[in-house]
Amino acid sequence: MTRTIITAGTVLDQGGRRRADVAIGDDGRIAAVDEAIAPAAGDVVLDAAGCVICPGFVDLHVHLREPGKEEAETIETGSRAAALGGFTAVVAMPNTDPAQDSVAVIEFVRAQGRRAGLCEVVPSGCITVGRQGRTLAPLAELAAAGVRLFTDDGAGVQDPQLMRRALEYAGPLRITLAQHCEVAAMTAGAVMHEGACCSRLGVPGWPSLAEELMVHRDIELSRLTGSPVHLLHLSTAGSVALVRAAKADGLRVTAEATPHHFTLTDERLAGYDAVFKVNPPLRTAADIEAVRAGLADGTIDAIATDHAPHAPETKEAPLDQAPPGMLGLETALALSLTYLDMPLEDIIAALSWKPAAIAGLADRHGRPVTPGEPANLAVVDPAATWTVVPAKLASKSRNTPYAGMELRGSVRHTIFDGHPVVVDGVATR
């Protein structure tokens, strides 16, 4: 039996930290965890000196663009970026063309992910047909096909009665609805946060209230129906406060935040550079502090990237015409370590086992690093420093707002399904 042995590292999982080597069998599972494991002839040895061996990361929010916009990203290129970022599973958003509102499209996305073999690609389903917000998608049929997370991301479900009905179906189906919180009537034509900066630039603003009204609505709908709701990419202090109160009431509400919403303010748009345009928009320093505090105290459960690649010519358009979105998969860990005042254990939890539970993947991702468990692992060097160079990123697109920034923390190795898919920072496939 050929094994992969990760040596000289520190294991970090739900059980805490301990010095250990990790051996992975050819069945894709962890075979042994011990202070010292002697390699045998033919074993693959991965050095983890100075590193942490932890459960692989799970991204709840990734745009892989395939099918429909392969010029910006494909499932293969996005999966490679994910693996390089330490992710062993990503939830693919449904705003593809065609949208992920049928079993046929869901199975296509899954098959493309299996073909790439770099991480598990988990397609989400649409809440409404075509994400049009008028008629519910076939939730039961999609749930029977294994879909666990449903969203119309990019367009929040505007009709409260339709959202209520979806949540009433969600409970018996044991699925989770994830909401893009935006009251569209308040954001028409907006290109950035509504505040002092947009007033100086003379461009339409996206008010915080447009997010917070829908956060409040869906919290109350969850209270009414008893069904879980997951709130995508929270960006305002008011939204964080609403979720904190909902959790204090014991409601089944979870939330995520993106690295760009805890690192960048709306002032970055002062030069009209569309690389900083995103939805929801970059907010104020006070909002950033609130999001960081929400992650630190557990109000916000997960760090999700909202990885949104765009072809270069689209991001070079004028600010009001360029599409919103930023790359995120390869910088998520480093931004979290560089900017968040949180213990490493809590950052790994927000990247790994907490999102795995929300996505319904906790049977195979975010698992403890113990014998018999699936070998979906990341080996992280928390002290390594590196500079973001867009041309060196694996994504097919280059729209990162962090170009030229020095960050702390890198992924040395990624193990997916027992196979090393990243070794010494280089993808093997």
Protein backbone atom coordinates (compact mmCIF):
# COMPACT_ATOMS: atom_id res chain seq x y z
CA MET A 1 0.00 0.00 0.00
CA THR A 2 1.36 3.40 -1.01
CA ARG A 3 0.79 6.05 1.62
CA THR A 4 1.10 9.82 1.74
CA ILE A 5 2.77 10.93 4.97
CA ILE A 6 2.67 14.52 6.19
CA THR A 7 5.58 14.98 8.56
CA ALA A 8 6.81 17.44 11.21
CA GLY A 9 3.61 19.45 11.46
CA THR A 10 1.13 20.46 14.15
CA VAL A 11 -2.39 19.07 13.81
CA LEU A 12 -5.14 21.64 14.43
CA ASP A 13 -8.79 20.58 14.39
CA GLN A 14 -11.89 20.66 16.58
CA GLY A 15 -9.95 18.82 19.27
CA GLY A 16 -7.24 21.46 19.55
CA ARG A 17 -3.54 21.34 18.67
CA ARG A 18 -1.02 18.52 18.98
CA ARG A 19 2.29 17.65 17.39
CA ALA A 20 1.78 14.75 14.97
CA ASP A 21 2.57 13.17 11.64
CA VAL A 22 -0.38 12.11 9.49
CA ALA A 23 -0.44 9.04 7.24
CA ILE A 24 -3.02 8.72 4.46
CA GLY A 25 -3.87 5.37 2.93
CA ASP A 26 -4.65 4.62 -0.70
CA ASP A 27 -8.34 4.35 0.25
CA GLY A 28 -8.47 8.14 0.62
CA ARG A 29 -8.74 8.04 4.40
CA ILE A 30 -6.45 8.94 7.26
CA ALA A 31 -4.60 5.78 8.26
CA ALA A 32 -2.66 7.02 11.27
CA VAL A 33 -1.94 10.11 13.36
CA ASP A 34 1.11 9.77 15.59
CA GLU A 35 4.06 11.71 16.95
CA ALA A 36 6.35 10.07 14.42
CA ILE A 37 5.45 7.88 11.44
CA ALA A 38 8.35 6.25 9.61
CA PRO A 39 7.95 6.31 5.82
CA ALA A 40 8.23 3.03 3.95
CA ALA A 41 9.59 2.51 0.47
CA GLY A 42 7.30 4.11 -2.09
CA ASP A 43 5.53 6.42 0.36
CA VAL A 44 4.99 10.03 -0.69
CA VAL A 45 6.35 12.36 2.01
CA LEU A 46 5.13 15.95 2.40
CA ASP A 47 7.10 18.24 4.69
CA ALA A 48 4.98 20.26 7.12
CA ALA A 49 7.74 21.76 9.28
CA GLY A 50 6.50 25.01 10.80
CA CYS A 51 3.03 24.32 9.45
CA VAL A 52 -0.43 23.42 10.71
CA ILE A 53 -2.21 20.34 9.36
CA CYS A 54 -5.94 21.04 9.46
CA PRO A 55 -9.20 19.99 7.84
CA GLY A 56 -9.51 21.38 4.32
CA PHE A 57 -11.43 24.59 3.81
CA VAL A 58 -15.01 24.83 2.51
CA ASP A 59 -16.12 27.89 0.54
CA LEU A 60 -19.85 28.50 0.72
CA HIS A 61 -19.86 31.06 -2.06
CA VAL A 62 -17.97 30.67 -5.35
CA HIS A 63 -18.81 31.71 -8.90
CA LEU A 64 -17.26 29.23 -11.31
CA ARG A 65 -19.03 30.75 -14.36
CA GLU A 66 -19.43 27.42 -16.17
CA PRO A 67 -21.75 26.88 -17.98
CA GLY A 68 -22.14 30.14 -19.86
CA LYS A 69 -19.19 32.42 -19.12
CA GLU A 70 -16.16 30.22 -19.63
CA GLU A 71 -14.16 33.22 -20.87
CA ALA A 72 -14.02 34.38 -17.22
CA GLU A 73 -13.57 31.03 -15.45
CA THR A 74 -14.13 27.34 -15.88
CA ILE A 75 -14.85 24.74 -13.26
CA GLU A 76 -11.34 23.39 -13.79
CA THR A 77 -9.54 26.74 -13.40
CA GLY A 78 -11.71 27.75 -10.46
CA SER A 79 -11.12 24.38 -8.80
CA ARG A 80 -7.39 24.81 -9.21
CA ALA A 81 -7.55 28.25 -7.57
CA ALA A 82 -9.60 26.68 -4.77
CA ALA A 83 -7.08 23.90 -4.17
CA LEU A 84 -4.22 26.42 -4.09
CA GLY A 85 -6.20 28.33 -1.46
CA GLY A 86 -6.57 25.22 0.73
CA PHE A 87 -10.19 24.50 -0.19
CA THR A 88 -11.27 20.90 -0.57
CA ALA A 89 -14.90 21.81 -1.33
CA VAL A 90 -16.60 24.81 -2.91
CA VAL A 91 -20.29 25.61 -3.30
CA ALA A 92 -20.89 26.79 -6.87
CA MET A 93 -23.41 29.60 -7.14
CA PRO A 94 -26.33 29.04 -9.55
CA ASN A 95 -26.16 32.24 -11.62
CA THR A 96 -24.81 30.37 -14.63
CA ASP A 97 -26.28 30.26 -18.14
CA PRO A 98 -28.39 28.18 -18.03
CA ALA A 99 -29.07 28.65 -14.34
CA GLN A 100 -28.75 25.74 -11.92
CA ASP A 101 -32.50 25.21 -11.61
CA SER A 102 -32.66 21.71 -13.12
CA VAL A 103 -31.13 18.34 -12.34
CA ALA A 104 -29.46 18.31 -15.76
CA VAL A 105 -27.45 21.48 -15.06
CA ILE A 106 -26.66 20.35 -11.51
CA GLU A 107 -25.27 17.05 -12.81
CA PHE A 108 -23.23 18.85 -15.48
CA VAL A 109 -21.55 21.03 -12.84
CA ARG A 110 -20.86 18.01 -10.64
CA ALA A 111 -19.41 16.05 -13.55
CA GLN A 112 -17.09 18.91 -14.52
CA GLY A 113 -15.90 19.09 -10.93
CA ARG A 114 -15.20 15.35 -10.83
CA ARG A 115 -13.33 15.61 -14.12
CA ALA A 116 -11.07 18.33 -12.72
CA GLY A 117 -10.47 16.29 -9.56
CA LEU A 118 -8.96 19.19 -7.60
CA CYS A 119 -11.70 19.70 -5.00
CA GLU A 120 -15.32 18.76 -4.54
CA VAL A 121 -17.56 21.08 -6.55
CA VAL A 122 -20.95 21.28 -4.87
CA PRO A 123 -23.62 22.95 -7.01
CA SER A 124 -26.22 25.05 -5.25
CA GLY A 125 -29.74 25.20 -6.65
CA CYS A 126 -31.86 28.20 -7.53
CA ILE A 127 -34.71 29.16 -5.21
CA THR A 128 -36.75 30.40 -8.18
CA VAL A 129 -36.83 29.34 -11.82
CA GLY A 130 -34.06 31.10 -13.70
CA ARG A 131 -33.42 33.22 -10.59
CA GLN A 132 -36.25 35.40 -11.87
CA GLY A 133 -38.05 35.63 -8.54
CA ARG A 134 -41.46 34.69 -9.90
CA THR A 135 -41.92 30.91 -9.55
CA LEU A 136 -40.29 28.47 -7.19
CA ALA A 137 -37.73 26.13 -8.72
CA PRO A 138 -38.40 22.37 -8.35
CA LEU A 139 -36.96 22.30 -4.84
CA ALA A 140 -38.05 18.74 -4.04
CA GLU A 141 -36.61 17.34 -7.27
CA LEU A 142 -33.32 19.13 -6.77
CA ALA A 143 -33.17 18.07 -3.11
CA ALA A 144 -33.73 14.45 -4.17
CA ALA A 145 -30.74 14.91 -6.50
CA GLY A 146 -28.60 15.85 -3.50
CA VAL A 147 -28.74 19.66 -3.54
CA ARG A 148 -28.64 21.02 0.01
CA LEU A 149 -28.12 24.78 -0.42
CA PHE A 150 -30.44 26.95 -2.52
CA THR A 151 -30.02 30.60 -3.45
CA ASP A 152 -30.81 33.16 -6.14
CA ASP A 153 -27.46 34.82 -5.39
CA GLY A 154 -26.93 38.02 -7.33
CA ALA A 155 -30.65 38.72 -7.02
CA GLY A 156 -32.31 38.39 -3.65
CA VAL A 157 -35.83 36.95 -3.61
CA GLN A 158 -37.80 40.18 -3.57
CA ASP A 159 -41.31 38.77 -2.95
CA PRO A 160 -41.71 38.06 0.80
CA GLN A 161 -44.65 35.71 0.25
CA LEU A 162 -42.64 33.66 -2.25
CA MET A 163 -39.72 33.51 0.19
CA ARG A 164 -42.06 32.43 2.96
CA ARG A 165 -43.40 29.62 0.79
CA ALA A 166 -39.86 28.51 -0.09
CA LEU A 167 -38.94 28.39 3.60
CA GLU A 168 -42.07 26.37 4.37
CA TYR A 169 -40.94 23.79 1.81
CA ALA A 170 -37.35 23.91 3.06
CA GLY A 171 -38.06 22.44 6.49
CA PRO A 172 -39.52 19.09 5.38
CA LEU A 173 -36.96 18.84 2.57
CA ARG A 174 -34.10 19.41 5.03
CA ILE A 175 -32.49 22.02 2.82
CA THR A 176 -31.10 25.47 3.59
CA LEU A 177 -32.03 28.64 1.74
CA ALA A 178 -29.26 31.22 1.37
CA GLN A 179 -30.25 34.81 0.73
CA HIS A 180 -28.55 37.59 -1.19
CA CYS A 181 -29.86 40.43 0.95
CA GLU A 182 -30.67 43.35 -1.31
CA VAL A 183 -33.93 45.25 -1.73
CA ALA A 184 -33.54 45.90 -5.44
CA ALA A 185 -35.85 48.92 -5.53
CA MET A 186 -33.36 50.76 -3.32
CA THR A 187 -30.23 49.91 -5.33
CA ALA A 188 -31.20 50.55 -8.96
CA GLY A 189 -28.26 52.16 -10.74
CA ALA A 190 -26.04 52.07 -7.65
CA VAL A 191 -22.33 51.45 -8.13
CA MET A 192 -20.94 51.75 -4.59
CA HIS A 193 -21.84 52.31 -0.94
CA GLU A 194 -24.10 55.27 -0.24
CA GLY A 195 -21.99 57.60 1.89
CA ALA A 196 -19.52 60.45 1.84
CA CYS A 197 -17.30 58.89 -0.83
CA CYS A 198 -20.08 58.35 -3.38
CA SER A 199 -21.26 61.92 -2.77
CA ARG A 200 -17.79 63.25 -3.58
CA LEU A 201 -17.58 61.10 -6.71
CA GLY A 202 -21.08 62.03 -7.83
CA VAL A 203 -22.23 58.45 -8.42
CA PRO A 204 -25.39 56.67 -7.21
CA GLY A 205 -25.07 54.92 -3.84
CA TRP A 206 -26.18 51.54 -2.44
CA PRO A 207 -27.61 52.24 1.04
CA SER A 208 -26.89 49.94 3.96
CA LEU A 209 -30.64 49.82 4.60
CA ALA A 210 -31.17 47.93 1.33
CA GLU A 211 -29.28 45.01 2.87
CA GLU A 212 -30.57 45.35 6.39
CA LEU A 213 -34.26 45.38 5.44
CA MET A 214 -33.94 41.98 3.78
CA VAL A 215 -31.79 40.61 6.60
CA HIS A 216 -34.55 41.61 9.01
CA ARG A 217 -37.30 40.19 6.76
CA ASP A 218 -35.66 36.79 6.37
CA ILE A 219 -34.80 36.51 10.04
CA GLU A 220 -38.48 37.04 10.80
CA LEU A 221 -39.51 34.54 8.11
CA SER A 222 -37.16 32.01 9.68
CA ARG A 223 -38.76 32.74 13.04
CA LEU A 224 -42.21 32.21 11.51
CA THR A 225 -41.47 29.01 9.60
CA GLY A 226 -38.81 27.44 11.81
CA SER A 227 -36.67 26.79 8.75
CA PRO A 228 -32.97 27.63 8.57
CA VAL A 229 -31.77 30.61 6.56
CA HIS A 230 -28.20 31.44 5.63
CA LEU A 231 -27.35 35.09 4.95
CA LEU A 232 -24.76 35.64 2.27
CA HIS A 233 -21.87 38.16 2.31
CA LEU A 234 -22.99 40.44 5.18
CA SER A 235 -21.43 43.87 4.80
CA THR A 236 -22.98 46.32 7.28
CA ALA A 237 -22.86 46.91 11.02
CA GLY A 238 -26.65 46.87 11.10
CA SER A 239 -26.80 43.42 9.49
CA VAL A 240 -24.32 42.02 12.01
CA ALA A 241 -26.40 43.41 14.89
CA LEU A 242 -29.58 41.85 13.47
CA VAL A 243 -27.96 38.43 13.18
CA ARG A 244 -26.51 38.70 16.69
CA ALA A 245 -29.99 39.36 18.08
CA ALA A 246 -31.49 36.50 16.03
CA LYS A 247 -28.95 34.06 17.43
CA ALA A 248 -29.63 35.30 20.94
CA ASP A 249 -33.26 34.37 20.29
CA GLY A 250 -32.20 30.87 19.28
CA LEU A 251 -33.23 31.18 15.63
CA ARG A 252 -31.79 28.95 12.93
CA VAL A 253 -29.87 31.75 11.25
CA THR A 254 -26.30 31.52 9.96
CA ALA A 255 -24.20 34.08 8.14
CA GLU A 256 -21.00 34.53 6.19
CA ALA A 257 -18.64 37.42 5.49
CA THR A 258 -16.09 37.88 2.72
CA PRO A 259 -12.46 38.92 3.12
CA HIS A 260 -13.02 42.06 1.07
CA HIS A 261 -15.73 43.16 3.48
CA PHE A 262 -13.35 42.97 6.41
CA THR A 263 -10.32 44.46 4.63
CA LEU A 264 -11.35 47.18 2.13
CA THR A 265 -13.42 50.37 2.50
CA ASP A 266 -15.48 52.27 -0.04
CA GLU A 267 -12.70 54.86 -0.24
CA ARG A 268 -10.87 52.44 -2.53
CA LEU A 269 -13.29 53.54 -5.27
CA ALA A 270 -12.10 57.14 -5.10
CA GLY A 271 -10.08 56.53 -8.27
CA TYR A 272 -13.08 55.06 -10.16
CA ASP A 273 -11.26 51.70 -10.48
CA ALA A 274 -13.87 49.01 -11.16
CA VAL A 275 -11.66 46.30 -9.65
CA PHE A 276 -13.05 47.55 -6.32
CA LYS A 277 -16.68 47.34 -7.45
CA VAL A 278 -18.53 44.48 -5.78
CA ASN A 279 -22.05 43.53 -4.67
CA PRO A 280 -22.76 44.20 -1.85
CA PRO A 281 -20.38 47.14 -2.08
CA LEU A 282 -17.35 47.90 0.02
CA ARG A 283 -18.57 49.78 3.10
CA THR A 284 -17.09 52.07 5.74
CA ALA A 285 -14.37 51.50 8.34
CA ALA A 286 -17.11 51.21 10.99
CA ASP A 287 -18.77 48.43 8.99
CA ILE A 288 -15.44 46.63 8.63
CA GLU A 289 -14.94 46.74 12.39
CA ALA A 290 -18.45 45.36 12.94
CA VAL A 291 -17.87 42.49 10.50
CA ARG A 292 -14.57 41.65 12.20
CA ALA A 293 -16.26 41.72 15.59
CA GLY A 294 -19.04 39.48 14.26
CA LEU A 295 -16.51 36.92 13.09
CA ALA A 296 -14.61 37.11 16.37
CA ASP A 297 -17.64 36.48 18.57
CA GLY A 298 -19.24 33.87 16.29
CA THR A 299 -22.17 35.97 15.14
CA ILE A 300 -20.86 35.45 11.62
CA ASP A 301 -20.26 31.73 11.22
CA ALA A 302 -18.12 31.48 8.11
CA ILE A 303 -15.60 33.21 5.91
CA ALA A 304 -16.67 32.82 2.28
CA THR A 305 -14.90 34.34 -0.71
CA ASP A 306 -17.70 35.26 -3.15
CA HIS A 307 -15.01 34.51 -5.74
CA ALA A 308 -16.32 36.34 -8.81
CA PRO A 309 -14.03 36.25 -11.85
CA HIS A 310 -14.60 38.56 -14.81
CA ALA A 311 -12.89 38.78 -18.17
CA PRO A 312 -10.41 41.72 -18.21
CA GLU A 313 -12.25 43.77 -20.80
CA THR A 314 -15.40 43.85 -18.68
CA LYS A 315 -13.62 45.20 -15.60
CA GLU A 316 -11.93 47.86 -17.76
CA ALA A 317 -15.33 49.37 -18.59
CA PRO A 318 -16.47 52.61 -16.88
CA LEU A 319 -17.41 52.18 -13.22
CA ASP A 320 -21.15 52.35 -13.82
CA GLN A 321 -20.96 49.73 -16.59
CA ALA A 322 -18.42 47.27 -15.19
CA PRO A 323 -19.78 44.15 -13.48
CA PRO A 324 -19.33 43.75 -9.71
CA GLY A 325 -17.04 41.09 -8.32
CA MET A 326 -13.54 40.15 -7.17
CA LEU A 327 -11.33 37.08 -7.07
CA GLY A 328 -10.99 35.51 -3.64
CA LEU A 329 -10.04 31.85 -3.48
CA GLU A 330 -6.24 32.14 -3.33
CA THR A 331 -6.12 35.08 -0.92
CA ALA A 332 -8.81 34.16 1.64
CA LEU A 333 -6.58 32.47 4.19
CA ALA A 334 -3.83 35.09 4.02
CA LEU A 335 -6.26 38.01 4.29
CA SER A 336 -7.87 36.37 7.30
CA LEU A 337 -4.53 35.84 9.02
CA THR A 338 -3.27 39.31 8.11
CA TYR A 339 -6.33 41.34 9.06
CA LEU A 340 -8.35 39.44 11.67
CA ASP A 341 -7.45 39.66 15.35
CA MET A 342 -8.58 36.09 15.99
CA PRO A 343 -6.87 32.91 17.19
CA LEU A 344 -5.74 30.64 14.36
CA GLU A 345 -8.15 27.97 15.63
CA ASP A 346 -11.12 30.31 15.14
CA ILE A 347 -10.01 31.36 11.66
CA ILE A 348 -9.63 27.73 10.58
CA ALA A 349 -13.05 26.93 12.06
CA ALA A 350 -14.64 29.75 10.03
CA LEU A 351 -12.95 28.46 6.88
CA SER A 352 -13.46 24.74 7.47
CA TRP A 353 -15.83 22.86 9.73
CA LYS A 354 -18.35 25.64 10.32
CA PRO A 355 -19.08 26.24 6.62
CA ALA A 356 -18.98 22.47 6.03
CA ALA A 357 -21.88 22.09 8.46
CA ILE A 358 -23.89 24.88 6.79
CA ALA A 359 -23.36 23.35 3.34
CA GLY A 360 -24.37 19.86 4.46
CA LEU A 361 -20.86 18.53 3.86
CA ALA A 362 -19.86 17.73 7.43
CA ASP A 363 -19.76 14.00 6.71
CA ARG A 364 -16.66 14.41 4.54
CA HIS A 365 -15.21 17.92 4.89
CA GLY A 366 -14.09 19.79 7.98
CA ARG A 367 -13.68 16.46 9.72
CA PRO A 368 -11.35 15.84 12.68
CA VAL A 369 -7.82 14.79 11.74
CA THR A 370 -8.10 11.27 13.13
CA PRO A 371 -7.73 7.74 11.71
CA GLY A 372 -10.61 6.58 9.56
CA GLU A 373 -11.71 10.08 8.54
CA PRO A 374 -11.74 11.25 4.89
CA ALA A 375 -8.38 12.78 3.99
CA ASN A 376 -9.48 16.25 2.91
CA LEU A 377 -6.75 18.37 4.46
CA ALA A 378 -4.85 21.64 4.18
CA VAL A 379 -1.29 22.24 5.35
CA VAL A 380 -0.91 25.90 6.25
CA ASP A 381 2.18 27.98 6.99
CA PRO A 382 0.82 30.79 9.19
CA ALA A 383 4.08 32.77 9.15
CA ALA A 384 4.92 32.74 5.43
CA THR A 385 4.70 36.08 3.64
CA TRP A 386 3.99 36.60 -0.04
CA THR A 387 2.97 39.30 -2.47
CA VAL A 388 -0.18 39.07 -4.59
CA VAL A 389 0.72 39.03 -8.29
CA PRO A 390 -2.41 38.75 -10.47
CA ALA A 391 -0.58 37.00 -13.33
CA LYS A 392 0.48 34.22 -10.97
CA LEU A 393 -3.05 33.40 -9.80
CA ALA A 394 -4.64 30.22 -11.14
CA SER A 395 -7.95 31.83 -12.00
CA LYS A 396 -8.65 32.51 -15.65
CA SER A 397 -9.38 36.13 -14.67
CA ARG A 398 -7.19 38.72 -12.97
CA ASN A 399 -9.63 40.98 -11.08
CA THR A 400 -8.05 40.89 -7.65
CA PRO A 401 -8.15 44.09 -5.58
CA TYR A 402 -5.05 43.00 -3.66
CA ALA A 403 -2.44 43.27 -6.44
CA GLY A 404 0.94 44.19 -4.99
CA MET A 405 -0.12 43.67 -1.36
CA GLU A 406 2.08 41.65 0.99
CA LEU A 407 0.09 39.13 3.00
CA ARG A 408 0.88 36.68 5.78
CA GLY A 409 -0.04 33.01 5.66
CA SER A 410 0.08 30.53 2.80
CA VAL A 411 -1.08 27.05 1.86
CA ARG A 412 1.82 24.64 1.41
CA HIS A 413 -0.10 21.44 0.59
CA THR A 414 -3.72 20.48 -0.09
CA ILE A 415 -4.97 16.89 0.10
CA PHE A 416 -8.28 16.10 -1.59
CA ASP A 417 -9.86 12.66 -1.36
CA GLY A 418 -6.51 11.33 -0.16
CA HIS A 419 -4.53 12.74 -3.10
CA PRO A 420 -2.02 15.62 -2.93
CA VAL A 421 -3.48 18.19 -5.34
CA VAL A 422 -1.16 20.98 -4.16
CA VAL A 423 2.43 20.26 -3.12
CA ASP A 424 4.74 23.04 -1.96
CA GLY A 425 2.33 25.64 -3.26
CA VAL A 426 2.09 24.15 -6.77
CA ALA A 427 -0.98 22.41 -8.17
CA THR A 428 -0.25 18.84 -9.27
CA ARG A 429 -3.07 18.75 -11.85
